[in-house]
């Protein structure tokens, strides 16, 4: 009887973990659809207004090129919800990338953001049945068009010790609720479950989300212009 109870309890825990992972994936997918719809609406509104200058933050003053090219911490209102923060960061990244693309400096913006963003994050694998129980701290940085990581900052930076994700394979970057968990999700092309990364603080989490959204926005904006040329 004790053995049967243990097996039943193990199955129950496994089903609960799988259900929680499925709920996160569904929430991320819904948020991706919402952000894409809002992005399309923002692009239509901007095209109608045809304003010559935009700022990094959608509700901030107009900035100079050098100010936009200088990475700075994202600022959020304490009363904003997580979906609102995701929307604001997404909109700001695309506005900055579009303005720099118009001036031929979008790649410079991406390079500055990538060179200034690095550090330790806890990584949950989407392939694990129990991702939270298999989490490991890893040192992350950008290299070329890749998001790379190794065991720690002092580990030898060799091909053997380095793993990476192609940035072009990331379709969305979203802060995961609640904000206090300091977690964000990378939705990857061809995978149903997202990669979940956990920062040590809200400031670090925002810096990583802002950087990734900016790099993705630059790729999208420069890609649009290359296809249209």
Protein backbone atom coordinates (compact mmCIF):
# COMPACT_ATOMS: atom_id res chain seq x y z
CA UNK A 1 0.00 0.00 0.00
CA UNK A 2 2.85 2.36 0.82
CA UNK A 3 4.45 1.61 -2.56
CA UNK A 4 1.19 2.26 -4.40
CA UNK A 5 0.74 5.51 -2.51
CA UNK A 6 4.29 6.64 -3.44
CA UNK A 7 3.71 5.83 -7.11
CA UNK A 8 0.38 7.65 -7.09
CA UNK A 9 1.95 10.66 -5.39
CA UNK A 10 4.82 10.71 -7.92
CA UNK A 11 2.39 10.60 -10.85
CA UNK A 12 0.31 13.40 -9.32
CA UNK A 13 3.40 15.59 -8.87
CA UNK A 14 4.55 14.92 -12.43
CA UNK A 15 1.14 15.79 -13.88
CA UNK A 16 1.04 18.99 -11.82
CA UNK A 17 4.49 20.01 -13.11
CA UNK A 18 3.52 19.30 -16.71
CA UNK A 19 0.28 21.28 -16.29
CA UNK A 20 2.20 24.26 -14.86
CA UNK A 21 4.68 24.17 -17.77
CA UNK A 22 1.80 24.00 -20.27
CA UNK A 23 0.12 26.99 -18.64
CA UNK A 24 3.32 29.06 -18.90
CA UNK A 25 3.74 28.12 -22.57
CA UNK A 26 0.12 29.01 -23.31
CA UNK A 27 0.43 32.35 -21.51
CA UNK A 28 3.62 33.20 -23.43
CA UNK A 29 2.01 32.31 -26.76
CA UNK A 30 -1.03 34.49 -25.98
CA UNK A 31 1.24 37.38 -25.00
CA UNK A 32 3.23 36.99 -28.24
CA UNK A 33 0.00 37.29 -30.26
CA UNK A 34 -1.08 40.33 -28.29
CA UNK A 35 2.27 42.10 -28.73
CA UNK A 36 2.30 41.43 -32.46
CA UNK A 37 -1.17 42.92 -32.78
CA UNK A 38 -0.14 45.99 -30.77
CA UNK A 39 3.04 46.34 -32.85
CA UNK A 40 1.01 46.36 -36.06
CA UNK A 41 -1.32 48.98 -34.63
CA UNK A 42 1.63 51.11 -33.51
CA UNK A 43 3.25 50.89 -36.94
CA UNK A 44 0.01 51.94 -38.62
CA UNK A 45 -0.39 54.89 -36.25
CA UNK A 46 3.22 55.98 -36.77
CA UNK A 47 2.89 55.76 -40.54
CA UNK A 48 -0.19 57.96 -40.37
CA UNK A 49 1.49 60.55 -38.16
CA UNK A 50 4.84 60.48 -40.03
CA UNK A 51 6.74 62.14 -37.22
CA UNK A 52 10.44 62.61 -38.05
CA UNK A 53 11.75 61.92 -34.55
CA UNK A 54 10.88 59.24 -32.00
CA UNK A 55 12.31 58.37 -28.61
CA UNK A 56 13.49 55.10 -27.08
CA UNK A 57 10.61 55.09 -24.60
CA UNK A 58 7.24 55.65 -26.19
CA UNK A 59 6.14 58.14 -23.53
CA UNK A 60 9.46 59.99 -23.10
CA UNK A 61 10.96 63.10 -24.63
CA UNK A 62 12.62 63.05 -28.05
CA UNK A 63 16.23 61.89 -27.76
CA UNK A 64 19.30 62.54 -29.82
CA UNK A 65 20.98 59.76 -31.80
CA UNK A 66 23.82 59.44 -29.29
CA UNK A 67 21.37 59.16 -26.39
CA UNK A 68 19.53 56.34 -28.15
CA UNK A 69 22.83 54.61 -28.94
CA UNK A 70 23.86 54.72 -25.27
CA UNK A 71 22.38 51.72 -23.40
CA UNK A 72 20.56 52.78 -20.25
CA UNK A 73 18.35 51.09 -17.69
CA UNK A 74 14.69 50.66 -18.54
CA UNK A 75 12.34 52.68 -16.38
CA UNK A 76 8.92 51.34 -15.47
CA UNK A 77 6.00 52.69 -13.52
CA UNK A 78 5.32 50.71 -10.36
CA UNK A 79 1.62 50.68 -11.24
CA UNK A 80 2.18 49.05 -14.63
CA UNK A 81 1.13 45.43 -15.09
CA UNK A 82 3.53 42.86 -16.56
CA UNK A 83 1.73 42.86 -19.97
CA UNK A 84 1.96 46.67 -19.99
CA UNK A 85 5.70 46.53 -19.24
CA UNK A 86 6.21 43.99 -22.04
CA UNK A 87 4.27 46.24 -24.43
CA UNK A 88 6.21 49.37 -23.44
CA UNK A 89 9.62 47.69 -23.81
CA UNK A 90 8.58 46.19 -27.16
CA UNK A 91 7.33 49.52 -28.49
CA UNK A 92 10.39 51.41 -27.27
CA UNK A 93 12.78 48.89 -28.83
CA UNK A 94 11.08 49.10 -32.22
CA UNK A 95 10.92 52.89 -32.18
CA UNK A 96 14.65 53.14 -31.43
CA UNK A 97 15.57 50.48 -33.99
CA UNK A 98 13.43 52.12 -36.68
CA UNK A 99 14.92 55.57 -36.09
CA UNK A 100 18.48 54.23 -36.19
CA UNK A 101 17.71 52.11 -39.27
CA UNK A 102 16.54 55.24 -41.07
CA UNK A 103 19.91 56.81 -40.33
CA UNK A 104 21.90 53.68 -41.19
CA UNK A 105 23.03 53.13 -37.60
CA UNK A 106 20.80 50.28 -36.45
CA UNK A 107 23.63 47.74 -36.30
CA UNK A 108 25.63 50.16 -34.15
CA UNK A 109 22.71 50.32 -31.73
CA UNK A 110 22.57 46.51 -31.52
CA UNK A 111 26.35 46.26 -31.08
CA UNK A 112 26.40 48.73 -28.19
CA UNK A 113 23.52 46.99 -26.42
CA UNK A 114 25.09 43.54 -26.83
CA UNK A 115 28.55 44.64 -25.66
CA UNK A 116 27.15 46.12 -22.44
CA UNK A 117 24.85 43.22 -21.49
CA UNK A 118 26.39 40.16 -19.83
CA UNK A 119 26.18 38.33 -16.50
CA UNK A 120 24.82 35.34 -14.62
CA UNK A 121 21.29 34.02 -15.12
CA UNK A 122 19.57 30.89 -13.94
CA UNK A 123 18.47 28.74 -16.90
CA UNK A 124 15.49 26.36 -17.01
CA UNK A 125 15.55 23.89 -19.91
CA UNK A 126 12.28 23.55 -21.86
CA UNK A 127 13.17 19.91 -22.62
CA UNK A 128 13.11 18.88 -18.96
CA UNK A 129 9.97 17.33 -17.47
CA UNK A 130 10.68 19.24 -14.25
CA UNK A 131 12.46 22.42 -15.44
CA UNK A 132 12.52 24.22 -12.08
CA UNK A 133 14.27 21.27 -10.40
CA UNK A 134 17.01 21.14 -13.08
CA UNK A 135 17.82 24.87 -13.14
CA UNK A 136 21.49 25.90 -13.28
CA UNK A 137 23.22 29.26 -13.01
CA UNK A 138 25.17 30.11 -16.16
CA UNK A 139 27.20 33.08 -17.39
CA UNK A 140 25.52 34.70 -20.45
CA UNK A 141 26.83 37.11 -23.07
CA UNK A 142 26.29 38.10 -26.71
CA UNK A 143 28.73 37.09 -29.42
CA UNK A 144 28.01 37.95 -33.04
CA UNK A 145 24.39 36.97 -33.65
CA UNK A 146 24.32 34.46 -30.80
CA UNK A 147 23.26 34.46 -27.16
CA UNK A 148 26.02 32.40 -25.50
CA UNK A 149 26.53 30.85 -22.09
CA UNK A 150 29.04 28.78 -20.16
CA UNK A 151 29.27 27.39 -16.65
CA UNK A 152 30.65 30.58 -15.09
CA UNK A 153 32.54 33.74 -15.98
CA UNK A 154 35.92 32.23 -15.14
CA UNK A 155 35.46 29.06 -17.19
CA UNK A 156 37.60 28.81 -20.31
CA UNK A 157 35.82 30.44 -23.25
CA UNK A 158 36.24 27.50 -25.62
CA UNK A 159 33.85 25.97 -28.12
CA UNK A 160 33.61 22.91 -25.89
CA UNK A 161 32.52 24.93 -22.86
CA UNK A 162 30.20 27.31 -24.71
CA UNK A 163 26.58 26.74 -25.69
CA UNK A 164 24.46 29.23 -27.60
CA UNK A 165 21.13 30.14 -29.17
CA UNK A 166 21.01 31.90 -32.55
CA UNK A 167 19.32 35.23 -31.95
CA UNK A 168 17.39 34.82 -35.21
CA UNK A 169 15.78 31.75 -33.68
CA UNK A 170 14.22 33.80 -30.87
CA UNK A 171 10.70 34.89 -31.84
CA UNK A 172 9.73 36.76 -28.64
CA UNK A 173 11.08 37.88 -25.26
CA UNK A 174 8.57 38.30 -22.45
CA UNK A 175 8.70 39.02 -18.73
CA UNK A 176 6.95 36.22 -16.84
CA UNK A 177 4.40 37.02 -14.14
CA UNK A 178 4.72 37.79 -11.32
CA UNK A 179 7.34 40.52 -11.69
CA UNK A 180 8.86 39.61 -8.31
CA UNK A 181 10.18 36.30 -9.72
CA UNK A 182 12.60 38.18 -12.02
CA UNK A 183 11.99 35.62 -14.78
CA UNK A 184 11.64 36.11 -18.52
CA UNK A 185 10.83 33.74 -21.37
CA UNK A 186 12.51 33.25 -24.73
CA UNK A 187 10.06 31.85 -27.27
CA UNK A 188 12.10 29.86 -29.77
CA UNK A 189 11.30 28.97 -33.34
CA UNK A 190 10.16 25.35 -33.59
CA UNK A 191 9.73 24.81 -29.83
CA UNK A 192 6.38 24.78 -28.03
CA UNK A 193 7.86 25.40 -24.59
CA UNK A 194 9.87 28.59 -23.95
CA UNK A 195 13.31 28.91 -22.37
CA UNK A 196 12.88 30.49 -18.94
CA UNK A 197 15.74 32.59 -17.58
CA UNK A 198 15.87 34.05 -14.08
CA UNK A 199 17.83 37.16 -13.13
CA UNK A 200 19.09 38.02 -9.66
CA UNK A 201 17.13 41.29 -9.53
CA UNK A 202 14.42 43.25 -11.29
CA UNK A 203 17.01 45.68 -12.67
CA UNK A 204 19.03 42.84 -14.24
CA UNK A 205 15.91 41.23 -15.65
CA UNK A 206 14.79 44.49 -17.28
CA UNK A 207 18.28 45.07 -18.69
CA UNK A 208 18.31 41.63 -20.35
CA UNK A 209 14.75 41.91 -21.68
CA UNK A 210 15.45 45.41 -23.02
CA UNK A 211 18.67 44.27 -24.69
CA UNK A 212 17.13 41.20 -26.31
CA UNK A 213 14.07 43.10 -27.52
CA UNK A 214 16.32 45.81 -29.00
CA UNK A 215 18.52 43.31 -30.84
CA UNK A 216 15.46 41.51 -32.23
CA UNK A 217 13.89 44.83 -33.25
CA UNK A 218 17.08 45.84 -35.10
CA UNK A 219 17.09 42.55 -36.98
CA UNK A 220 13.44 43.00 -37.94
CA UNK A 221 13.79 46.64 -38.96
CA UNK A 222 16.95 46.10 -41.01
CA UNK A 223 15.40 42.99 -42.54
CA UNK A 224 12.33 44.95 -43.62
CA UNK A 225 14.49 47.62 -45.23
CA UNK A 226 16.71 45.10 -47.00
CA UNK A 227 13.70 43.31 -48.45
CA UNK A 228 12.18 46.62 -49.50
CA UNK A 229 15.34 47.93 -51.17
